Amino acid sequence: MAPAVKVYGWAVSPFVARPLLCLEEAGVEYELVSMSRAAGDHRQPDFLARNPFGQVPVLEDGDLTLFESRAIARHV
């Protein structure tokens, strides 16, 4: 069964590292959806529907979608 929590971003980003560390610390199973900044994945319409600013990270937890690493860390 796939984890209910998905994090969109690139692993080398310090902004993505914060929520990933919080998820690991809390023992929450998650899926990292790797994106390519060079390919412009963050500017595609499906991603902009998740975060209209086109920035990472984005966390999806069921029906809840959050962006901004501090907001995600607080949620976790």
Protein backbone atom coordinates (compact mmCIF):
# COMPACT_ATOMS: atom_id res chain seq x y z
CA MET A 1 0.00 0.00 0.00
CA ALA A 2 1.33 3.41 -0.96
CA PRO A 3 1.95 5.95 1.79
CA ALA A 4 -0.83 8.52 2.21
CA VAL A 5 1.69 11.35 2.53
CA LYS A 6 3.48 12.63 -0.56
CA VAL A 7 6.21 15.26 -0.64
CA TYR A 8 7.00 16.92 -3.95
CA GLY A 9 10.46 18.41 -4.49
CA TRP A 10 14.11 17.72 -5.10
CA ALA A 11 16.10 16.03 -2.37
CA VAL A 12 19.03 18.47 -2.56
CA SER A 13 16.87 21.43 -1.54
CA PRO A 14 17.28 22.59 2.07
CA PHE A 15 13.61 23.62 1.97
CA VAL A 16 12.61 20.04 1.17
CA ALA A 17 15.04 18.64 3.76
CA ARG A 18 13.18 20.25 6.69
CA PRO A 19 9.83 18.46 6.17
CA LEU A 20 11.57 15.20 5.25
CA LEU A 21 13.53 15.31 8.51
CA CYS A 22 10.33 16.01 10.46
CA LEU A 23 8.54 13.11 8.78
CA GLU A 24 11.46 10.78 9.53
CA GLU A 25 11.61 11.93 13.15
CA ALA A 26 7.84 11.39 13.58
CA GLY A 27 8.03 7.95 11.96
CA VAL A 28 5.54 8.88 9.24
CA GLU A 29 5.68 6.86 6.03
CA TYR A 30 5.89 9.12 3.01
CA GLU A 31 6.68 9.10 -0.68
CA LEU A 32 9.14 11.62 -2.11
CA VAL A 33 7.96 12.59 -5.57
CA SER A 34 11.22 13.65 -7.19
CA MET A 35 11.00 16.57 -9.53
CA SER A 36 13.50 18.10 -11.92
CA ARG A 37 14.12 21.81 -11.60
CA ALA A 38 16.13 21.76 -14.83
CA ALA A 39 13.19 20.24 -16.70
CA GLY A 40 10.84 22.82 -15.20
CA ASP A 41 8.61 20.30 -13.42
CA HIS A 42 7.72 23.00 -10.88
CA ARG A 43 6.19 25.14 -13.66
CA GLN A 44 3.88 22.46 -15.05
CA PRO A 45 0.10 23.04 -14.69
CA ASP A 46 -0.43 19.95 -12.52
CA PHE A 47 2.18 21.17 -10.03
CA LEU A 48 0.95 24.77 -10.12
CA ALA A 49 -2.46 23.41 -9.11
CA ARG A 50 -0.76 22.18 -5.91
CA ASN A 51 1.26 25.35 -5.30
CA PRO A 52 0.44 28.41 -7.41
CA PHE A 53 3.85 29.90 -6.57
CA GLY A 54 5.64 26.97 -8.26
CA GLN A 55 7.92 26.35 -5.29
CA VAL A 56 8.92 23.23 -3.39
CA PRO A 57 8.21 21.53 -1.08
CA VAL A 58 4.56 20.57 -1.35
CA LEU A 59 3.03 18.00 0.99
CA GLU A 60 -0.17 16.10 0.27
CA ASP A 61 -1.72 14.33 3.24
CA GLY A 62 -5.01 12.87 2.05
CA ASP A 63 -7.17 15.83 1.01
CA LEU A 64 -4.85 18.36 2.66
CA THR A 65 -2.23 20.14 0.54
CA LEU A 66 0.41 22.31 2.20
CA PHE A 67 3.38 24.23 0.91
CA GLU A 68 6.11 26.18 2.70
CA SER A 69 8.52 24.05 4.71
CA ARG A 70 7.64 25.63 8.07
CA ALA A 71 3.91 25.03 7.60
CA ILE A 72 4.61 21.42 6.65
CA ALA A 73 6.92 20.91 9.65
CA ARG A 74 4.28 22.35 11.96
CA HIS A 75 1.62 20.03 10.49
CA VAL A 76 3.82 16.97 10.97
